[in-house]
Structure formats: C-alpha cells, structure tokens
Amino acid sequence: MSCGVGGRCGSDLAFCTSHFSRGSESMALQVLRALEGLKMMGKDQDRGLKVIPQTQRDLDRITRQVITAKKH
C-alpha cells in the first residue's frame, strides 16, 4: 500500500516520478481511516478493511469516465 506514491528520492525531497520509492505508511493508514469514516470502507472479519460494494461501483464509474475523457 505504501509503495511508490510520493516517496522521497535519496537525499532530496522532490517527488519521484521515474524511480520507485516507498511512500509513507502512516499516510496510507490516514487515507484508509478517512475512507472508513466516510463509510466507504467496511470491516472484514478476516482481513481488516475492505471496499464496500457501493464504493467499488463509484470507483468503477469514475474510472470509465476518465478513460472515456482521455479517448476524446
């Protein structure tokens, strides 16, 4: 979850655009907690948090809109 998004590159503080770098795990946890607070994530008894079906439908719809917009 914390891989490659917004991680630091070596000693500089610039965002990595072309090289893999681990991102902040605390940031990922904050995002998950915020989504849970918005009722977009639900508790799964086996694995912790899971995306609820309505959230998955919303994400799929947004993805289709982005793909369609890029084609035009």
Protein backbone atom coordinates (compact mmCIF):
# COMPACT_ATOMS: atom_id res chain seq x y z
CA MET A 1 0.00 0.00 0.00
CA SER A 2 2.82 2.42 0.75
CA CYS A 3 4.87 1.74 -2.34
CA GLY A 4 5.80 4.23 -4.98
CA VAL A 5 3.45 7.13 -4.36
CA GLY A 6 5.02 10.31 -3.07
CA GLY A 7 8.12 8.69 -1.66
CA ARG A 8 11.39 10.58 -1.33
CA CYS A 9 14.28 10.11 -3.75
CA GLY A 10 17.56 9.67 -1.90
CA SER A 11 18.58 12.82 -0.09
CA ASP A 12 16.41 15.32 -1.95
CA LEU A 13 12.79 15.99 -1.03
CA ALA A 14 11.39 16.03 -4.57
CA PHE A 15 8.66 13.60 -5.54
CA CYS A 16 9.81 10.57 -7.50
CA THR A 17 8.37 10.49 -10.97
CA SER A 18 10.62 7.98 -12.69
CA HIS A 19 12.12 5.86 -9.90
CA PHE A 20 10.42 3.53 -7.45
CA SER A 21 10.41 4.64 -3.84
CA ARG A 22 8.40 3.58 -0.80
CA GLY A 23 5.82 6.07 0.37
CA SER A 24 4.70 6.82 3.90
CA GLU A 25 2.79 4.01 5.60
CA SER A 26 1.27 6.49 8.04
CA MET A 27 -0.18 8.43 5.09
CA ALA A 28 -1.76 5.25 3.71
CA LEU A 29 -3.28 4.47 7.12
CA GLN A 30 -4.66 8.01 7.40
CA VAL A 31 -6.30 7.67 3.97
CA LEU A 32 -7.83 4.31 4.92
CA ARG A 33 -9.15 5.72 8.21
CA ALA A 34 -10.63 8.72 6.39
CA LEU A 35 -12.35 6.41 3.89
CA GLU A 36 -13.66 4.30 6.76
CA GLY A 37 -15.01 7.45 8.43
CA LEU A 38 -16.86 8.30 5.21
CA LYS A 39 -18.38 4.79 5.24
CA MET A 40 -16.53 3.91 2.03
CA MET A 41 -14.68 1.03 3.69
CA GLY A 42 -16.12 -1.75 5.83
CA LYS A 43 -14.69 -4.13 8.39
CA ASP A 44 -13.79 -7.60 7.14
CA GLN A 45 -13.55 -10.22 9.87
CA ASP A 46 -10.66 -12.00 8.15
CA ARG A 47 -8.51 -9.25 6.61
CA GLY A 48 -9.29 -5.94 8.32
CA LEU A 49 -10.80 -3.34 5.98
CA LYS A 50 -12.47 -3.91 2.63
CA VAL A 51 -14.05 -1.71 -0.02
CA ILE A 52 -17.84 -1.85 0.20
CA PRO A 53 -19.79 -2.63 -3.00
CA GLN A 54 -21.17 0.92 -3.42
CA THR A 55 -17.65 2.36 -3.21
CA GLN A 56 -16.42 -0.16 -5.79
CA ARG A 57 -19.24 0.85 -8.15
CA ASP A 58 -18.34 4.53 -7.69
CA LEU A 59 -14.65 3.85 -8.39
CA ASP A 60 -15.53 1.81 -11.49
CA ARG A 61 -17.80 4.62 -12.76
CA ILE A 62 -15.09 7.25 -12.22
CA THR A 63 -12.53 5.04 -13.98
CA ARG A 64 -14.82 4.66 -17.00
CA GLN A 65 -15.33 8.44 -17.12
CA VAL A 66 -11.57 9.10 -17.03
CA ILE A 67 -10.87 6.53 -19.76
CA THR A 68 -13.65 7.95 -21.94
CA ALA A 69 -12.39 11.51 -21.44
CA LYS A 70 -8.83 10.51 -22.43
CA LYS A 71 -10.10 8.96 -25.68
CA HIS A 72 -11.74 12.24 -26.78
